[in-house]
């Protein structure tokens, strides 16, 4: 598995609960936030924070690839660890599925943007008196930017497109069919979007939905944003014009009638255009009832817009408590693992405490004993017991720095070039190749031991047992994952390899080994 797939895959896994947590915070904030503009702000911040959260999570996952503490105690192969290994095995499929989905949603977003551009370029200028009305409403709404007002035969409802050069598109039927008050209401709503910079924000929301299309909480947040945005624009339009709430509501109803009469006409593309019709699950009836419902005659705009507390509104906070614990399940999101957690006493010695430790194995062949300084140095750098590093070196190459296997494994620790290349990439060691090809550099005893010790330390941290670490070192991590999951068998070579390493490891303190002839 490449480093990119590992980072992206675990980032997607962690974002599953992180997005739920963000949505839960927003949902709690909405309980005490009554005004639409404040509710919009909460949901907008939550939605726009997700890309930043994804970047931060990805950087955190990536940092563990090269900075994971080699001195941490190994993790036993508990059901929890096996479950995480299963998740890791599924990362390539997860990343592939996300890439396809994100690509489709991005393509739809681009198609929508192109559709909006066509609406804009095909629109026609308004009559001078209607242009003057638009400018007058813009002034009353406090919009100081230049805004174009045009008519479109393809639009079904008034809409706003563009941010730097905003354009208000009015359906041709609306221009000729609405009264002056109704047209003023439509323009006021669209100019409220311009005043609030909603088009620019909507671009950010659309990109976020495209990236996190798979998460229901993202669509919930987007729905809250759209709902509260429309309510906030209604409030602003009524507050900044001479229209009464009832007249404004009547104008909304007339706009809906025009839209229904043009079912076959083009609608705003992919949510990029900001239309005066309802959005985010907000019906026209809700907007009208909210506008005309007045208990005290003067404080209509202060009335709560809190939606009914249906079970779907409580979906995010109910999941937060159960899913937030996932943050601690993977080494990818924790700085370090507790050394005392599920560590077998016998195997714990395989990962040494910080600091150098002497190599003391009486029965090692002379060829391996001559490498003691290099083995001790590499073991100390990466927190591996020098005895285990020496044993793996013995089994791999017999202590021959120039050993090359029939499959291409090279050097003391018989590293495959592909594995060595991955290690160099993860540790950013390209500068230490000294201009040599990697195949040649692997014949350097110190360099080979350094890479092999680092890789062995990673296997010990992942599998928690010398036997499993040895099997992964020889046969690959995927083979061990499948074997533990009952989905395959280890090869005869790997089975024999782990048995030899385990036996030699258990005899490291003995004066002789049952597997070696005395010198």
Protein backbone atom coordinates (compact mmCIF):
# COMPACT_ATOMS: atom_id res chain seq x y z
CA UNK A 1 0.00 0.00 0.00
CA UNK A 2 1.42 3.38 -0.99
CA UNK A 3 1.91 6.13 1.56
CA UNK A 4 -0.62 8.32 -0.27
CA UNK A 5 -3.38 5.69 -0.02
CA UNK A 6 -2.52 5.08 3.64
CA UNK A 7 -2.75 8.78 4.50
CA UNK A 8 -5.88 9.49 2.45
CA UNK A 9 -7.60 6.31 3.61
CA UNK A 10 -7.05 6.88 7.33
CA UNK A 11 -7.97 10.55 6.88
CA UNK A 12 -11.34 9.49 5.46
CA UNK A 13 -11.81 7.01 8.32
CA UNK A 14 -11.10 9.63 10.99
CA UNK A 15 -13.23 12.23 9.24
CA UNK A 16 -16.19 9.90 9.73
CA UNK A 17 -16.36 10.68 13.44
CA UNK A 18 -14.79 14.14 13.23
CA UNK A 19 -17.55 15.41 10.94
CA UNK A 20 -20.15 13.93 13.27
CA UNK A 21 -18.52 15.80 16.17
CA UNK A 22 -18.57 19.09 14.23
CA UNK A 23 -22.23 18.57 13.30
CA UNK A 24 -23.01 17.76 16.93
CA UNK A 25 -21.45 21.02 18.12
CA UNK A 26 -23.42 22.96 15.49
CA UNK A 27 -26.65 21.20 16.45
CA UNK A 28 -26.17 22.09 20.11
CA UNK A 29 -25.43 25.70 19.16
CA UNK A 30 -28.64 25.86 17.12
CA UNK A 31 -30.71 25.00 20.18
CA UNK A 32 -29.79 28.35 21.76
CA UNK A 33 -29.51 30.38 18.54
CA UNK A 34 -32.82 31.86 17.45
CA UNK A 35 -32.02 34.41 14.76
CA UNK A 36 -31.51 33.06 11.20
CA UNK A 37 -28.28 35.00 10.61
CA UNK A 38 -26.72 33.50 13.74
CA UNK A 39 -27.92 30.00 12.92
CA UNK A 40 -26.54 30.44 9.41
CA UNK A 41 -23.18 31.53 10.82
CA UNK A 42 -22.91 28.45 13.03
CA UNK A 43 -23.72 26.03 10.22
CA UNK A 44 -21.53 27.89 7.71
CA UNK A 45 -18.50 27.83 10.01
CA UNK A 46 -19.05 24.13 10.66
CA UNK A 47 -19.31 23.33 6.96
CA UNK A 48 -16.35 25.46 5.84
CA UNK A 49 -14.20 24.09 8.67
CA UNK A 50 -14.37 20.57 7.23
CA UNK A 51 -11.73 21.02 4.48
CA UNK A 52 -9.35 22.54 7.06
CA UNK A 53 -10.12 19.65 9.40
CA UNK A 54 -9.36 17.19 6.60
CA UNK A 55 -5.99 18.83 5.90
CA UNK A 56 -5.05 18.84 9.59
CA UNK A 57 -6.08 15.21 9.96
CA UNK A 58 -4.13 14.21 6.86
CA UNK A 59 -1.00 15.96 8.12
CA UNK A 60 -1.37 14.21 11.45
CA UNK A 61 -1.69 10.82 9.78
CA UNK A 62 1.27 11.52 7.50
CA UNK A 63 3.47 12.57 10.41
CA UNK A 64 3.02 9.19 12.08
CA UNK A 65 4.54 7.41 9.09
CA UNK A 66 7.98 8.84 9.76
CA UNK A 67 7.81 9.92 13.40
CA UNK A 68 6.02 7.01 15.07
CA UNK A 69 7.96 6.30 18.31
CA UNK A 70 9.97 3.15 17.78
CA UNK A 71 10.46 2.77 21.52
CA UNK A 72 6.76 2.33 22.24
CA UNK A 73 5.71 -1.07 23.51
CA UNK A 74 4.27 -3.49 20.95
CA UNK A 75 0.55 -3.97 20.59
CA UNK A 76 -0.90 -7.41 21.16
CA UNK A 77 -3.07 -8.88 18.41
CA UNK A 78 -6.34 -8.21 20.25
CA UNK A 79 -9.75 -8.24 18.50
CA UNK A 80 -9.59 -4.44 18.40
CA UNK A 81 -6.20 -4.48 16.67
CA UNK A 82 -7.41 -7.13 14.23
CA UNK A 83 -10.45 -4.96 13.44
CA UNK A 84 -8.17 -2.01 12.71
CA UNK A 85 -6.04 -4.21 10.49
CA UNK A 86 -9.18 -5.14 8.61
CA UNK A 87 -9.95 -1.45 8.14
CA UNK A 88 -6.44 -0.84 6.86
CA UNK A 89 -6.76 -3.70 4.39
CA UNK A 90 -9.90 -2.03 3.02
CA UNK A 91 -8.24 1.39 2.59
CA UNK A 92 -7.42 0.98 -1.14
CA UNK A 93 -11.07 0.19 -1.93
CA UNK A 94 -12.23 3.04 0.30
CA UNK A 95 -9.94 5.54 -1.42
CA UNK A 96 -10.97 4.29 -4.86
CA UNK A 97 -14.66 4.63 -4.04
CA UNK A 98 -14.21 8.10 -2.59
CA UNK A 99 -12.18 9.20 -5.62
CA UNK A 100 -14.92 8.08 -8.01
CA UNK A 101 -17.66 9.76 -5.97
CA UNK A 102 -15.73 12.99 -5.51
CA UNK A 103 -14.95 13.03 -9.22
CA UNK A 104 -18.63 12.62 -10.15
CA UNK A 105 -19.77 15.36 -7.77
CA UNK A 106 -16.98 17.66 -8.94
CA UNK A 107 -18.01 17.07 -12.56
CA UNK A 108 -21.60 17.94 -11.67
CA UNK A 109 -20.37 21.08 -9.94
CA UNK A 110 -18.41 22.14 -13.02
CA UNK A 111 -21.40 21.38 -15.25
CA UNK A 112 -23.58 23.53 -13.00
CA UNK A 113 -21.08 26.36 -13.14
CA UNK A 114 -21.04 26.19 -16.94
CA UNK A 115 -24.85 26.21 -16.95
CA UNK A 116 -24.91 29.33 -14.81
CA UNK A 117 -22.44 31.01 -17.17
CA UNK A 118 -24.72 30.20 -20.10
CA UNK A 119 -27.69 31.72 -18.30
CA UNK A 120 -25.65 34.83 -17.68
CA UNK A 121 -24.35 35.23 -21.23
CA UNK A 122 -27.72 34.55 -22.86
CA UNK A 123 -29.60 37.05 -20.67
CA UNK A 124 -30.98 40.32 -22.02
CA UNK A 125 -30.89 43.81 -20.55
CA UNK A 126 -33.95 45.13 -18.73
CA UNK A 127 -35.98 48.12 -19.78
CA UNK A 128 -34.61 51.42 -18.38
CA UNK A 129 -37.45 51.82 -15.88
CA UNK A 130 -36.86 48.30 -14.49
CA UNK A 131 -33.11 48.91 -14.34
CA UNK A 132 -33.83 52.08 -12.37
CA UNK A 133 -36.08 50.12 -10.01
CA UNK A 134 -33.28 47.62 -9.43
CA UNK A 135 -30.78 50.35 -8.64
CA UNK A 136 -33.25 52.01 -6.28
CA UNK A 137 -33.83 48.76 -4.40
CA UNK A 138 -30.06 48.14 -4.29
CA UNK A 139 -29.60 51.53 -2.66
CA UNK A 140 -32.28 50.83 -0.06
CA UNK A 141 -30.70 47.43 0.66
CA UNK A 142 -27.33 49.08 1.31
CA UNK A 143 -25.61 47.37 -1.64
CA UNK A 144 -22.76 49.62 -2.74
CA UNK A 145 -21.35 47.34 -5.43
CA UNK A 146 -22.31 47.56 -9.08
CA UNK A 147 -25.05 45.04 -9.85
CA UNK A 148 -26.45 44.17 -13.27
CA UNK A 149 -30.13 43.39 -13.69
CA UNK A 150 -31.04 41.21 -16.68
CA UNK A 151 -33.92 39.07 -17.94
CA UNK A 152 -33.59 35.40 -18.86
CA UNK A 153 -36.01 33.29 -20.86
CA UNK A 154 -34.52 30.08 -19.38
CA UNK A 155 -34.71 30.91 -15.68
CA UNK A 156 -37.77 29.90 -13.66
CA UNK A 157 -37.24 32.12 -10.62
CA UNK A 158 -35.18 35.23 -9.83
CA UNK A 159 -31.60 34.30 -8.98
CA UNK A 160 -28.22 35.83 -8.23
CA UNK A 161 -25.00 34.69 -9.91
CA UNK A 162 -21.46 35.96 -9.53
CA UNK A 163 -19.56 37.60 -6.71
CA UNK A 164 -17.06 40.08 -8.13
CA UNK A 165 -19.58 41.22 -10.74
CA UNK A 166 -22.94 40.09 -9.41
CA UNK A 167 -25.87 39.71 -11.77
CA UNK A 168 -29.52 39.41 -10.80
CA UNK A 169 -31.38 37.24 -13.33
CA UNK A 170 -35.13 37.75 -13.61
CA UNK A 171 -37.31 35.32 -15.59
CA UNK A 172 -38.84 37.07 -18.58
CA UNK A 173 -42.32 36.04 -17.44
CA UNK A 174 -41.71 37.59 -14.03
CA UNK A 175 -40.61 40.89 -15.53
CA UNK A 176 -43.89 41.26 -17.40
CA UNK A 177 -46.22 39.50 -14.98
CA UNK A 178 -45.44 40.92 -11.54
CA UNK A 179 -46.66 44.16 -10.03
CA UNK A 180 -44.16 46.81 -8.96
CA UNK A 181 -44.36 45.74 -5.30
CA UNK A 182 -43.90 42.08 -6.17
CA UNK A 183 -40.95 42.83 -8.41
CA UNK A 184 -39.42 44.97 -5.66
CA UNK A 185 -39.75 42.04 -3.24
CA UNK A 186 -38.02 39.68 -5.67
CA UNK A 187 -35.19 42.15 -6.24
CA UNK A 188 -34.81 42.83 -2.53
CA UNK A 189 -34.38 39.14 -1.77
CA UNK A 190 -31.71 38.69 -4.45
CA UNK A 191 -29.89 41.84 -3.38
CA UNK A 192 -29.87 40.52 0.17
CA UNK A 193 -27.78 37.63 -1.19
CA UNK A 194 -25.42 40.16 -2.79
CA UNK A 195 -25.11 42.16 0.42
CA UNK A 196 -24.32 38.99 2.41
CA UNK A 197 -21.77 37.69 -0.17
CA UNK A 198 -23.78 34.47 -0.32
CA UNK A 199 -22.60 33.50 -3.81
CA UNK A 200 -18.96 33.31 -2.72
CA UNK A 201 -19.89 31.36 0.40
CA UNK A 202 -22.05 29.05 -1.69
CA UNK A 203 -19.06 28.15 -3.85
CA UNK A 204 -17.25 27.02 -0.70
CA UNK A 205 -20.29 25.06 0.44
CA UNK A 206 -20.60 23.36 -2.95
CA UNK A 207 -16.94 22.34 -2.97
CA UNK A 208 -17.27 20.96 0.55
CA UNK A 209 -20.31 18.90 -0.45
CA UNK A 210 -18.41 17.54 -3.46
CA UNK A 211 -15.46 16.45 -1.30
CA UNK A 212 -17.52 15.00 1.56
CA UNK A 213 -20.49 13.77 -0.47
CA UNK A 214 -20.46 10.45 1.39
CA UNK A 215 -21.23 11.84 4.84
CA UNK A 216 -24.87 12.45 5.81
CA UNK A 217 -23.90 15.09 8.38
CA UNK A 218 -22.40 17.22 5.60
CA UNK A 219 -25.74 17.23 3.78
CA UNK A 220 -27.49 18.04 7.04
CA UNK A 221 -25.19 21.02 7.60
CA UNK A 222 -25.72 22.12 4.00
CA UNK A 223 -29.47 21.95 4.50
CA UNK A 224 -29.27 24.13 7.62
CA UNK A 225 -27.12 26.64 5.74
CA UNK A 226 -29.57 26.87 2.85
CA UNK A 227 -32.62 27.11 5.10
CA UNK A 228 -31.25 29.81 7.37
CA UNK A 229 -29.74 31.73 4.45
CA UNK A 230 -33.16 32.10 2.84
CA UNK A 231 -34.79 33.12 6.11
CA UNK A 232 -32.04 35.67 6.78
CA UNK A 233 -32.53 37.14 3.30
CA UNK A 234 -36.29 37.33 3.88
CA UNK A 235 -35.70 39.22 7.12
CA UNK A 236 -33.19 41.57 5.52
CA UNK A 237 -35.45 42.28 2.53
CA UNK A 238 -38.42 43.20 4.73
CA UNK A 239 -36.28 45.24 7.13
CA UNK A 240 -34.61 47.32 4.39
CA UNK A 241 -37.65 48.06 2.20
CA UNK A 242 -41.09 49.58 2.68
CA UNK A 243 -42.76 46.23 2.05
CA UNK A 244 -44.92 44.78 4.80
CA UNK A 245 -44.34 41.13 5.73
CA UNK A 246 -47.72 40.24 4.22
CA UNK A 247 -46.97 41.95 0.88
CA UNK A 248 -43.56 40.28 0.79
CA UNK A 249 -45.17 36.88 1.47
CA UNK A 250 -47.68 37.47 -1.32
CA UNK A 251 -44.80 38.23 -3.68
CA UNK A 252 -43.16 34.91 -2.75
CA UNK A 253 -46.41 33.12 -3.51
CA UNK A 254 -46.66 34.80 -6.91
CA UNK A 255 -43.07 33.82 -7.72
CA UNK A 256 -43.88 30.22 -6.90
CA UNK A 257 -46.89 30.34 -9.22
CA UNK A 258 -44.68 31.54 -12.06
CA UNK A 259 -42.12 28.82 -11.35
CA UNK A 260 -44.79 26.09 -11.37
CA UNK A 261 -46.09 27.38 -14.69
CA UNK A 262 -42.64 26.85 -16.26
CA UNK A 263 -41.87 23.30 -15.19
CA UNK A 264 -39.87 22.59 -18.33
CA UNK A 265 -37.63 25.64 -18.09
CA UNK A 266 -34.06 25.54 -16.87
CA UNK A 267 -33.40 25.74 -13.18
CA UNK A 268 -30.26 26.93 -11.40
CA UNK A 269 -27.38 24.54 -12.00
CA UNK A 270 -26.12 22.37 -9.17
CA UNK A 271 -27.04 24.82 -6.45
CA UNK A 272 -24.54 27.48 -7.53
CA UNK A 273 -27.11 30.15 -8.35
CA UNK A 274 -28.99 31.67 -5.43
CA UNK A 275 -32.71 31.61 -6.15
CA UNK A 276 -35.59 33.26 -4.35
CA UNK A 277 -37.42 29.93 -4.03
CA UNK A 278 -37.19 27.71 -0.98
CA UNK A 279 -34.06 25.64 -0.29
CA UNK A 280 -32.63 23.17 2.17
CA UNK A 281 -35.96 21.44 2.79
CA UNK A 282 -37.61 24.81 3.56
CA UNK A 283 -41.04 24.97 1.94
CA UNK A 284 -42.65 28.12 0.65
CA UNK A 285 -45.47 27.58 3.12
CA UNK A 286 -43.04 27.67 6.04
CA UNK A 287 -41.54 30.93 4.83
CA UNK A 288 -44.94 32.56 4.34
CA UNK A 289 -46.28 31.38 7.71
CA UNK A 290 -43.18 32.70 9.40
CA UNK A 291 -43.51 36.07 7.67
CA UNK A 292 -47.19 36.70 8.48
CA UNK A 293 -47.37 34.99 11.87
CA UNK A 294 -47.21 37.81 14.42
CA UNK A 295 -48.12 37.34 18.07
CA UNK A 296 -47.26 40.82 19.27
CA UNK A 297 -47.55 42.91 16.10
CA UNK A 298 -44.09 44.46 16.24
CA UNK A 299 -41.56 41.73 17.02
CA UNK A 300 -42.10 39.36 14.11
CA UNK A 301 -38.45 39.33 13.12
CA UNK A 302 -37.40 38.24 16.59
CA UNK A 303 -39.56 35.13 16.46
CA UNK A 304 -37.65 31.89 16.76
CA UNK A 305 -36.95 29.92 13.62
CA UNK A 306 -35.93 26.79 15.45
CA UNK A 307 -37.14 23.79 13.42
CA UNK A 308 -39.20 21.05 14.99
CA UNK A 309 -37.03 18.70 17.01
CA UNK A 310 -37.66 15.64 14.89
CA UNK A 311 -35.42 12.57 15.28
CA UNK A 312 -33.43 13.47 12.16
CA UNK A 313 -32.39 16.78 13.74
CA UNK A 314 -30.97 14.89 16.70
CA UNK A 315 -29.08 12.43 14.49
CA UNK A 316 -25.62 14.11 14.74
CA UNK A 317 -25.43 14.59 18.53
CA UNK A 318 -26.69 11.07 19.21
CA UNK A 319 -23.78 9.66 17.22
CA UNK A 320 -21.08 11.90 18.68
CA UNK A 321 -20.74 10.06 21.99
CA UNK A 322 -20.46 6.67 20.32
CA UNK A 323 -18.08 7.61 17.51
CA UNK A 324 -15.73 10.09 19.16
CA UNK A 325 -13.88 7.17 20.81
CA UNK A 326 -12.70 6.07 17.35
CA UNK A 327 -10.06 8.79 17.51
CA UNK A 328 -8.07 6.69 19.93
CA UNK A 329 -8.38 3.37 18.13
CA UNK A 330 -5.75 3.82 15.45
CA UNK A 331 -2.05 4.61 15.84
CA UNK A 332 -2.60 7.05 12.98
CA UNK A 333 -4.39 9.55 15.24
CA UNK A 334 -2.58 9.02 18.53
CA UNK A 335 0.83 10.48 19.26
CA UNK A 336 1.95 7.35 21.06
CA UNK A 337 0.59 4.13 22.50
CA UNK A 338 0.64 3.23 26.14
CA UNK A 339 3.62 0.94 26.69
CA UNK A 340 1.74 -1.07 29.26
CA UNK A 341 -1.31 -1.69 27.11
CA UNK A 342 -1.72 -5.34 26.11
CA UNK A 343 2.03 -5.96 25.98
CA UNK A 344 3.30 -9.50 26.38
CA UNK A 345 6.27 -9.52 28.82
CA UNK A 346 8.33 -11.88 26.66
CA UNK A 347 7.86 -9.88 23.47
CA UNK A 348 8.15 -6.50 25.17
CA UNK A 349 11.89 -7.03 25.36
CA UNK A 350 12.00 -6.94 21.57
CA UNK A 351 11.49 -3.18 21.66
CA UNK A 352 14.08 -1.64 23.92
CA UNK A 353 13.91 1.54 25.96
CA UNK A 354 15.71 4.58 24.60
CA UNK A 355 19.44 4.29 24.71
CA UNK A 356 22.06 1.80 23.56
CA UNK A 357 22.06 -1.82 24.64
CA UNK A 358 24.79 -4.39 24.21
CA UNK A 359 24.43 -7.37 21.91
CA UNK A 360 24.88 -10.44 24.10
CA UNK A 361 24.05 -13.65 22.26
CA UNK A 362 26.71 -16.28 22.90
CA UNK A 363 25.97 -18.60 19.99
CA UNK A 364 25.99 -16.05 17.14
CA UNK A 365 28.32 -17.06 14.27
CA UNK A 366 31.54 -15.10 13.95
CA UNK A 367 30.39 -13.44 10.74
CA UNK A 368 27.44 -11.86 12.58
CA UNK A 369 29.44 -11.02 15.72
CA UNK A 370 31.82 -8.95 13.59
CA UNK A 371 28.85 -6.69 12.80
CA UNK A 372 28.13 -6.00 16.49
CA UNK A 373 28.93 -2.24 16.38
CA UNK A 374 26.70 -1.65 13.36
CA UNK A 375 23.89 -3.83 14.76
CA UNK A 376 23.98 -2.11 18.16
CA UNK A 377 23.96 1.35 16.55
CA UNK A 378 20.99 0.57 14.28
CA UNK A 379 19.10 -1.12 17.11
CA UNK A 380 19.62 1.88 19.40
CA UNK A 381 18.45 4.33 16.73
CA UNK A 382 15.18 2.52 16.17
CA UNK A 383 14.47 1.01 19.58
CA UNK A 384 14.88 -2.62 18.58
CA UNK A 385 16.54 -5.19 20.81
CA UNK A 386 19.98 -5.76 19.21
CA UNK A 387 19.62 -9.50 19.82
CA UNK A 388 16.50 -9.64 17.64
CA UNK A 389 18.13 -7.50 14.95
CA UNK A 390 21.14 -9.82 14.94
CA UNK A 391 18.89 -12.90 14.73
CA UNK A 392 16.97 -11.52 11.75
CA UNK A 393 20.27 -10.60 10.09
CA UNK A 394 21.53 -14.13 10.67
CA UNK A 395 18.41 -15.77 9.24
CA UNK A 396 18.21 -13.38 6.30
CA UNK A 397 21.79 -13.30 5.04
CA UNK A 398 23.99 -15.25 7.44
CA UNK A 399 25.87 -11.98 7.99
CA UNK A 400 26.90 -11.54 4.33
CA UNK A 401 26.64 -7.83 3.35
CA UNK A 402 26.79 -8.73 -0.35
CA UNK A 403 24.05 -11.36 -0.28
CA UNK A 404 21.52 -11.18 -3.13
CA UNK A 405 18.60 -13.62 -3.25
CA UNK A 406 17.04 -15.16 -6.35
CA UNK A 407 14.09 -12.76 -5.94
CA UNK A 408 16.33 -9.68 -5.77
CA UNK A 409 16.44 -9.11 -1.99
CA UNK A 410 19.74 -7.43 -1.12
CA UNK A 411 22.21 -7.00 1.70
CA UNK A 412 22.40 -8.03 5.33
CA UNK A 413 18.68 -7.82 5.98
CA UNK A 414 17.65 -8.94 2.48
CA UNK A 415 15.54 -5.91 1.68
CA UNK A 416 13.58 -5.96 -1.55
CA UNK A 417 14.29 -2.80 -3.57
CA UNK A 418 10.58 -1.89 -3.57
CA UNK A 419 10.41 -2.16 0.22
CA UNK A 420 13.62 -0.17 0.60
CA UNK A 421 12.27 2.51 -1.74
CA UNK A 422 9.13 2.78 0.38
CA UNK A 423 11.20 3.13 3.56
CA UNK A 424 13.40 5.80 1.98
CA UNK A 425 10.29 7.70 0.88
CA UNK A 426 8.57 7.46 4.26
CA UNK A 427 11.69 8.61 6.10
CA UNK A 428 12.72 11.19 3.48
CA UNK A 429 16.20 9.66 3.14
CA UNK A 430 16.71 10.48 -0.53
CA UNK A 431 19.59 12.77 0.39
CA UNK A 432 21.50 9.91 2.02
CA UNK A 433 21.85 7.90 -1.17
CA UNK A 434 24.98 9.94 -2.00
CA UNK A 435 24.19 9.81 -5.69
CA UNK A 436 24.14 6.01 -5.75
CA UNK A 437 21.36 3.85 -7.08
CA UNK A 438 19.30 2.36 -4.26
CA UNK A 439 20.25 -1.19 -5.29
CA UNK A 440 23.92 -0.32 -4.85
CA UNK A 441 23.35 1.55 -1.59
CA UNK A 442 21.64 -1.51 -0.09
CA UNK A 443 24.99 -3.32 -0.21
CA UNK A 444 26.32 -0.87 2.41
CA UNK A 445 26.06 -2.75 5.75
CA UNK A 446 25.24 0.31 7.87
CA UNK A 447 22.63 1.66 5.44
CA UNK A 448 21.02 -1.75 5.02
CA UNK A 449 20.88 -2.37 8.76
CA UNK A 450 19.43 1.09 9.36
CA UNK A 451 16.58 0.52 6.90
CA UNK A 452 15.99 -3.03 8.07
CA UNK A 453 15.95 -2.07 11.76
CA UNK A 454 13.43 0.69 11.08
CA UNK A 455 11.19 -1.68 9.12
CA UNK A 456 11.47 -4.37 11.79
CA UNK A 457 10.52 -1.82 14.47
CA UNK A 458 7.42 -0.90 12.47
CA UNK A 459 6.40 -4.55 12.27
CA UNK A 460 6.89 -5.02 16.02
CA UNK A 461 4.76 -1.97 16.75
CA UNK A 462 2.05 -3.13 14.42
CA UNK A 463 1.81 -6.80 15.30
CA UNK A 464 2.98 -6.86 18.92
CA UNK A 465 4.68 -10.27 18.72
CA UNK A 466 8.08 -11.33 17.45
CA UNK A 467 6.52 -14.26 15.61
CA UNK A 468 4.01 -12.10 13.73
CA UNK A 469 6.58 -9.37 13.10
CA UNK A 470 8.93 -11.96 11.61
CA UNK A 471 6.16 -13.34 9.41
CA UNK A 472 5.33 -9.84 8.14
CA UNK A 473 9.01 -9.05 7.56
CA UNK A 474 9.35 -12.16 5.39
CA UNK A 475 5.95 -12.60 3.76
CA UNK A 476 4.50 -9.11 3.81
CA UNK A 477 1.94 -7.30 5.92
CA UNK A 478 -0.94 -8.25 3.65
CA UNK A 479 -0.26 -11.96 4.04
CA UNK A 480 -0.30 -11.70 7.84
CA UNK A 481 -3.48 -9.62 7.80
CA UNK A 482 -5.24 -12.21 5.63
CA UNK A 483 -3.93 -15.08 7.76
CA UNK A 484 -5.15 -13.55 11.01
CA UNK A 485 -8.54 -12.83 9.44
CA UNK A 486 -8.85 -16.46 8.34
CA UNK A 487 -8.77 -15.49 4.68
CA UNK A 488 -5.59 -17.26 3.68
CA UNK A 489 -2.55 -19.24 4.78
CA UNK A 490 1.06 -18.21 5.19
CA UNK A 491 3.42 -19.66 2.63
CA UNK A 492 5.56 -22.59 3.69
CA UNK A 493 8.65 -20.35 3.52
CA UNK A 494 7.10 -17.68 5.76
CA UNK A 495 5.80 -20.32 8.19
CA UNK A 496 9.27 -21.82 8.47
CA UNK A 497 10.89 -18.37 8.73
CA UNK A 498 8.78 -17.23 11.67
CA UNK A 499 9.37 -20.52 13.49
CA UNK A 500 13.15 -20.19 13.10
CA UNK A 501 13.19 -16.56 14.25
CA UNK A 502 10.91 -17.35 17.20
CA UNK A 503 13.06 -20.29 18.29
CA UNK A 504 16.31 -18.33 18.04
CA UNK A 505 14.71 -15.42 19.89
CA UNK A 506 13.60 -17.68 22.73
CA UNK A 507 17.15 -19.09 22.98
CA UNK A 508 18.94 -15.73 22.89
CA UNK A 509 20.03 -16.03 26.52
CA UNK A 510 21.23 -19.63 26.23
CA UNK A 511 24.88 -20.63 25.76
CA UNK A 512 23.97 -22.45 22.54
CA UNK A 513 21.13 -22.76 20.08
CA UNK A 514 19.31 -25.92 19.13
CA UNK A 515 19.23 -24.77 15.50
CA UNK A 516 22.92 -23.96 15.08
CA UNK A 517 25.97 -26.16 15.07
CA UNK A 518 28.69 -25.18 17.51
CA UNK A 519 31.62 -23.33 15.94
